[in-house]
Amino acid sequence: MFKSTLCLLISAAGQGAGYTASARHWNEAAMKRHAQMGFAEGWAMVVEQLAALAEA
């Protein structure tokens, strides 16, 4: 188990929304484990699914 905090910033951007996600980890080892687990790829899928839902 590792400790991390996820920060999500969502703001109006023209006719849509801007989205920024960042993670803060307890230490570098935790950051590397999180990356190996597919953090970036997982959140990319979340964003794609949210976009598809919003456009439906």
N, C-alpha and C. Protein backbone atom coordinates (compact mmCIF):
# COMPACT_ATOMS: atom_id res chain seq x y z
N MET A 1 0.84 -1.18 0.00
CA MET A 1 0.00 0.00 0.00
C MET A 1 0.88 1.24 0.00
N PHE A 2 0.45 2.26 -0.69
CA PHE A 2 1.18 3.51 -0.71
C PHE A 2 0.21 4.66 -0.52
N LYS A 3 0.74 5.76 -0.04
CA LYS A 3 -0.10 6.93 0.19
C LYS A 3 0.04 7.89 -0.97
N SER A 4 -1.09 8.44 -1.39
CA SER A 4 -1.07 9.46 -2.43
C SER A 4 -2.33 10.30 -2.31
N THR A 5 -2.25 11.49 -2.86
CA THR A 5 -3.39 12.39 -2.91
C THR A 5 -3.60 12.77 -4.36
N LEU A 6 -4.82 12.72 -4.80
CA LEU A 6 -5.15 13.10 -6.17
C LEU A 6 -5.84 14.45 -6.16
N CYS A 7 -5.36 15.37 -6.97
CA CYS A 7 -5.96 16.70 -7.10
C CYS A 7 -6.61 16.80 -8.48
N LEU A 8 -7.90 17.10 -8.50
CA LEU A 8 -8.63 17.28 -9.75
C LEU A 8 -9.07 18.73 -9.85
N LEU A 9 -8.74 19.36 -10.96
CA LEU A 9 -9.16 20.74 -11.21
C LEU A 9 -10.00 20.73 -12.48
N ILE A 10 -11.24 21.17 -12.35
CA ILE A 10 -12.15 21.24 -13.50
C ILE A 10 -12.63 22.68 -13.61
N SER A 11 -12.47 23.26 -14.80
CA SER A 11 -12.85 24.66 -14.98
C SER A 11 -13.52 24.85 -16.33
N ALA A 12 -14.32 25.90 -16.42
CA ALA A 12 -14.98 26.24 -17.68
C ALA A 12 -13.93 26.62 -18.71
N ALA A 13 -14.13 26.16 -19.94
CA ALA A 13 -13.22 26.48 -21.03
C ALA A 13 -14.04 26.59 -22.31
N GLY A 14 -14.43 27.81 -22.64
CA GLY A 14 -15.25 28.01 -23.84
C GLY A 14 -16.58 27.31 -23.69
N GLN A 15 -16.90 26.43 -24.63
CA GLN A 15 -18.16 25.68 -24.61
C GLN A 15 -18.02 24.36 -23.85
N GLY A 16 -16.85 24.10 -23.30
CA GLY A 16 -16.62 22.83 -22.61
C GLY A 16 -16.01 23.04 -21.24
N ALA A 17 -15.11 22.15 -20.90
CA ALA A 17 -14.46 22.21 -19.59
C ALA A 17 -13.00 21.81 -19.73
N GLY A 18 -12.18 22.43 -18.90
CA GLY A 18 -10.77 22.04 -18.80
C GLY A 18 -10.62 21.08 -17.63
N TYR A 19 -9.70 20.14 -17.73
CA TYR A 19 -9.54 19.10 -16.72
C TYR A 19 -8.06 18.90 -16.47
N THR A 20 -7.64 19.02 -15.23
CA THR A 20 -6.25 18.77 -14.86
C THR A 20 -6.24 17.82 -13.66
N ALA A 21 -5.47 16.75 -13.76
CA ALA A 21 -5.32 15.82 -12.64
C ALA A 21 -3.84 15.73 -12.29
N SER A 22 -3.56 15.75 -11.02
CA SER A 22 -2.18 15.56 -10.57
C SER A 22 -2.19 14.73 -9.30
N ALA A 23 -1.14 13.96 -9.11
CA ALA A 23 -1.04 13.10 -7.93
C ALA A 23 0.16 13.53 -7.11
N ARG A 24 -0.01 13.50 -5.81
CA ARG A 24 1.07 13.78 -4.87
C ARG A 24 1.31 12.49 -4.10
N HIS A 25 2.54 12.03 -4.10
CA HIS A 25 2.87 10.76 -3.47
C HIS A 25 3.73 10.97 -2.23
N TRP A 26 3.67 9.96 -1.35
CA TRP A 26 4.40 10.00 -0.09
C TRP A 26 5.90 10.10 -0.35
N ASN A 27 6.39 9.38 -1.36
CA ASN A 27 7.81 9.41 -1.69
C ASN A 27 7.98 8.95 -3.14
N GLU A 28 9.21 8.99 -3.61
CA GLU A 28 9.49 8.65 -5.01
C GLU A 28 9.17 7.18 -5.31
N ALA A 29 9.43 6.30 -4.36
CA ALA A 29 9.13 4.88 -4.58
C ALA A 29 7.63 4.67 -4.79
N ALA A 30 6.81 5.36 -4.01
CA ALA A 30 5.35 5.25 -4.17
C ALA A 30 4.93 5.78 -5.53
N MET A 31 5.54 6.88 -5.96
CA MET A 31 5.23 7.44 -7.27
C MET A 31 5.55 6.43 -8.38
N LYS A 32 6.70 5.79 -8.27
CA LYS A 32 7.09 4.81 -9.29
C LYS A 32 6.16 3.61 -9.31
N ARG A 33 5.76 3.13 -8.13
CA ARG A 33 4.82 2.00 -8.06
C ARG A 33 3.49 2.38 -8.70
N HIS A 34 3.03 3.58 -8.42
CA HIS A 34 1.77 4.05 -8.98
C HIS A 34 1.86 4.12 -10.50
N ALA A 35 2.97 4.61 -11.01
CA ALA A 35 3.17 4.68 -12.46
C ALA A 35 3.19 3.28 -13.07
N GLN A 36 3.85 2.34 -12.40
CA GLN A 36 3.92 0.96 -12.91
C GLN A 36 2.55 0.30 -12.93
N MET A 37 1.66 0.73 -12.04
CA MET A 37 0.30 0.18 -11.98
C MET A 37 -0.58 0.74 -13.09
N GLY A 38 -0.10 1.76 -13.82
CA GLY A 38 -0.85 2.31 -14.93
C GLY A 38 -1.68 3.53 -14.60
N PHE A 39 -1.20 4.37 -13.69
CA PHE A 39 -1.93 5.57 -13.28
C PHE A 39 -2.33 6.43 -14.48
N ALA A 40 -1.38 6.79 -15.31
CA ALA A 40 -1.66 7.69 -16.44
C ALA A 40 -2.63 7.04 -17.42
N GLU A 41 -2.42 5.78 -17.73
CA GLU A 41 -3.29 5.08 -18.68
C GLU A 41 -4.70 4.94 -18.12
N GLY A 42 -4.79 4.65 -16.83
CA GLY A 42 -6.11 4.50 -16.20
C GLY A 42 -6.90 5.80 -16.22
N TRP A 43 -6.23 6.90 -15.89
CA TRP A 43 -6.95 8.18 -15.90
C TRP A 43 -7.29 8.62 -17.31
N ALA A 44 -6.47 8.25 -18.28
CA ALA A 44 -6.81 8.57 -19.68
C ALA A 44 -8.10 7.86 -20.07
N MET A 45 -8.28 6.62 -19.62
CA MET A 45 -9.52 5.89 -19.91
C MET A 45 -10.71 6.56 -19.22
N VAL A 46 -10.51 7.01 -17.98
CA VAL A 46 -11.59 7.70 -17.26
C VAL A 46 -12.04 8.93 -18.03
N VAL A 47 -11.09 9.73 -18.49
CA VAL A 47 -11.42 10.96 -19.21
C VAL A 47 -12.16 10.64 -20.50
N GLU A 48 -11.70 9.62 -21.23
CA GLU A 48 -12.38 9.23 -22.47
C GLU A 48 -13.82 8.79 -22.19
N GLN A 49 -14.02 8.03 -21.13
CA GLN A 49 -15.37 7.57 -20.78
C GLN A 49 -16.26 8.73 -20.36
N LEU A 50 -15.71 9.67 -19.59
CA LEU A 50 -16.49 10.84 -19.18
C LEU A 50 -16.88 11.69 -20.40
N ALA A 51 -15.95 11.85 -21.33
CA ALA A 51 -16.24 12.62 -22.54
C ALA A 51 -17.35 11.95 -23.35
N ALA A 52 -17.28 10.64 -23.48
CA ALA A 52 -18.32 9.91 -24.22
C ALA A 52 -19.67 10.06 -23.54
N LEU A 53 -19.69 10.00 -22.23
CA LEU A 53 -20.93 10.16 -21.48
C LEU A 53 -21.49 11.57 -21.65
N ALA A 54 -20.63 12.56 -21.59
CA ALA A 54 -21.07 13.95 -21.72
C ALA A 54 -21.63 14.24 -23.11
N GLU A 55 -21.06 13.59 -24.12
CA GLU A 55 -21.49 13.82 -25.50
C GLU A 55 -22.72 13.01 -25.88
N ALA A 56 -23.09 12.03 -25.06
CA ALA A 56 -24.24 11.15 -25.38
C ALA A 56 -25.56 11.86 -25.17
